[in-house]
Protein backbone atom coordinates (compact mmCIF):
# COMPACT_ATOMS: atom_id res chain seq x y z
CA MET A 1 7.15 -64.29 -18.35
CA HIS A 2 4.84 -66.13 -20.71
CA SER A 3 4.60 -69.84 -20.03
CA THR A 4 4.46 -70.89 -23.70
CA LEU A 5 5.65 -69.67 -27.05
CA THR A 6 2.00 -69.47 -28.12
CA GLU A 7 1.10 -67.18 -25.21
CA HIS A 8 4.07 -64.97 -25.99
CA ALA A 9 3.07 -64.67 -29.68
CA ARG A 10 -0.56 -64.07 -28.74
CA CYS A 11 0.51 -61.25 -26.45
CA LEU A 12 2.63 -59.60 -29.15
CA TRP A 13 0.37 -59.94 -32.20
CA GLY A 14 -3.05 -60.92 -30.89
CA ASP A 15 -5.25 -63.86 -31.77
CA GLU A 16 -7.98 -63.87 -34.39
CA TYR A 17 -9.99 -66.42 -32.38
CA ARG A 18 -9.44 -65.43 -28.76
CA PRO A 19 -9.08 -62.18 -26.91
CA THR A 20 -5.53 -61.05 -26.29
CA PRO A 21 -4.91 -61.71 -22.60
CA ALA A 22 -4.06 -58.94 -20.19
CA CYS A 23 -0.31 -58.91 -19.86
CA ALA A 24 1.91 -57.19 -17.35
CA GLU A 25 4.73 -57.42 -19.90
CA ARG A 26 3.07 -55.16 -22.48
CA HIS A 27 6.29 -53.31 -23.15
CA HIS A 28 8.53 -56.30 -23.67
CA GLU A 29 10.71 -56.51 -26.74
CA GLU A 30 9.95 -58.71 -29.74
CA SER A 31 13.58 -59.79 -29.53
CA TYR A 32 12.75 -61.89 -26.46
CA PHE A 33 10.11 -63.73 -28.47
CA PHE A 34 12.60 -64.43 -31.27
CA GLU A 35 15.20 -65.64 -28.84
CA ARG A 36 12.64 -68.02 -27.44
CA LEU A 37 11.49 -69.08 -30.92
CA THR A 38 15.07 -69.71 -32.03
CA PHE A 39 15.62 -72.29 -29.31
CA ALA A 40 12.10 -73.76 -29.15
CA ASP A 41 11.55 -77.38 -30.01
CA ALA A 42 9.49 -78.31 -33.05
CA ASP A 43 6.42 -79.25 -30.98
CA ALA A 44 6.27 -75.83 -29.32
CA ILE A 45 6.63 -74.03 -32.64
CA LEU A 46 3.99 -76.18 -34.33
CA ALA A 47 1.63 -75.67 -31.39
CA MET A 48 1.98 -71.91 -31.83
CA LEU A 49 1.44 -72.05 -35.60
CA ARG A 50 -1.56 -74.35 -35.37
CA GLU A 51 -3.23 -72.54 -32.51
CA LEU A 52 -2.79 -69.03 -33.88
CA SER A 53 -3.34 -69.99 -37.54
CA PRO A 54 -5.49 -73.14 -37.47
CA PHE A 55 -6.55 -72.78 -41.12
CA LEU A 56 -3.08 -71.81 -42.43
CA CYS A 57 -4.33 -68.68 -44.20
CA ASP A 58 -5.61 -66.94 -41.10
CA GLY A 59 -4.30 -65.48 -37.88
CA TYR A 60 -2.42 -62.36 -36.96
CA LEU A 61 1.13 -63.72 -36.98
CA PRO A 62 3.16 -61.63 -39.40
CA VAL A 63 4.10 -63.52 -42.55
CA TRP A 64 7.80 -63.26 -41.78
CA VAL A 65 7.24 -64.77 -38.32
CA ARG A 66 5.32 -67.66 -39.84
CA ASN A 67 8.03 -68.23 -42.48
CA LEU A 68 10.77 -68.19 -39.85
CA ALA A 69 8.82 -70.57 -37.63
CA TYR A 70 8.38 -73.09 -40.45
CA ARG A 71 12.05 -72.78 -41.34
CA LEU A 72 13.07 -73.55 -37.76
CA VAL A 73 10.70 -76.52 -37.58
CA LEU A 74 12.01 -77.92 -40.87
CA LEU A 75 15.58 -77.67 -39.60
CA GLN A 76 14.52 -79.93 -36.73
CA ARG A 77 12.36 -82.26 -38.84
CA PRO A 78 13.83 -82.20 -42.34
CA ASP A 79 12.46 -85.61 -43.31
CA ASP A 80 8.78 -85.06 -42.49
CA PRO A 81 6.88 -84.97 -45.82
CA ASP A 82 3.63 -83.74 -44.24
CA LEU A 83 5.42 -80.86 -42.56
CA LEU A 84 7.28 -80.00 -45.79
CA ARG A 85 3.93 -79.79 -47.59
CA GLU A 86 2.40 -77.68 -44.83
CA ALA A 87 5.30 -75.22 -45.03
CA ALA A 88 5.02 -75.15 -48.82
CA ALA A 89 1.30 -74.41 -48.63
CA SER A 90 1.96 -71.58 -46.19
CA LEU A 91 4.57 -70.06 -48.52
CA ARG A 92 2.23 -70.24 -51.53
CA LEU A 93 -0.35 -68.19 -49.64
CA HIS A 94 2.02 -65.24 -49.35
CA GLY A 95 2.70 -64.33 -52.93
CA PRO A 96 4.61 -65.57 -55.92
CA GLY A 97 7.97 -64.52 -54.49
CA TRP A 98 7.99 -67.73 -52.44
CA ASP A 99 6.68 -70.12 -55.09
CA ASP A 100 10.12 -71.49 -56.04
CA ILE A 101 10.91 -72.39 -52.44
CA ALA A 102 7.43 -73.88 -51.99
CA ALA A 103 7.99 -76.03 -55.09
CA GLN A 104 11.35 -77.23 -53.73
CA LEU A 105 9.71 -78.20 -50.43
CA GLN A 106 6.98 -80.07 -52.30
CA GLN A 107 9.60 -81.91 -54.38
CA ARG A 108 11.50 -82.90 -51.24
CA ALA A 109 8.29 -84.22 -49.70
CA ASP A 110 7.51 -86.25 -52.84
CA ALA A 111 11.06 -87.65 -52.94
CA LEU A 112 10.93 -88.65 -49.27
CA GLU A 113 7.64 -90.48 -49.81
CA GLU A 114 9.03 -92.30 -52.86
CA GLN A 115 11.99 -93.49 -50.77
CA ALA A 116 9.84 -94.62 -47.86
CA PRO A 117 9.27 -98.36 -47.59
CA PRO A 118 5.64 -99.44 -48.19
CA ASN A 119 3.48 -99.95 -45.12
């Protein structure tokens, strides 16, 4: 069993920056990864996204995995403007079909910052 969500994703899809580790579980099902992703906390998901795609537009994670991961993080942290903007930027990188959702995320981030008390 992989000790982290990041290791599990790296094993399944590889890593643009590091060699894919030897894994005795080469024939495991993607469904186990998605089960783990579904119940992962936001920190574990963000660690995976940031380690495997440190520049947002890179990495070998499939687009749909990245979109799902951001969706799950935003469900856990719906009021984080920086995270909303990061998810919006990721969506914009993957074609115009996601631009409306990216714009909505950006608007939510702007609204949250307007409501925040000044520092």
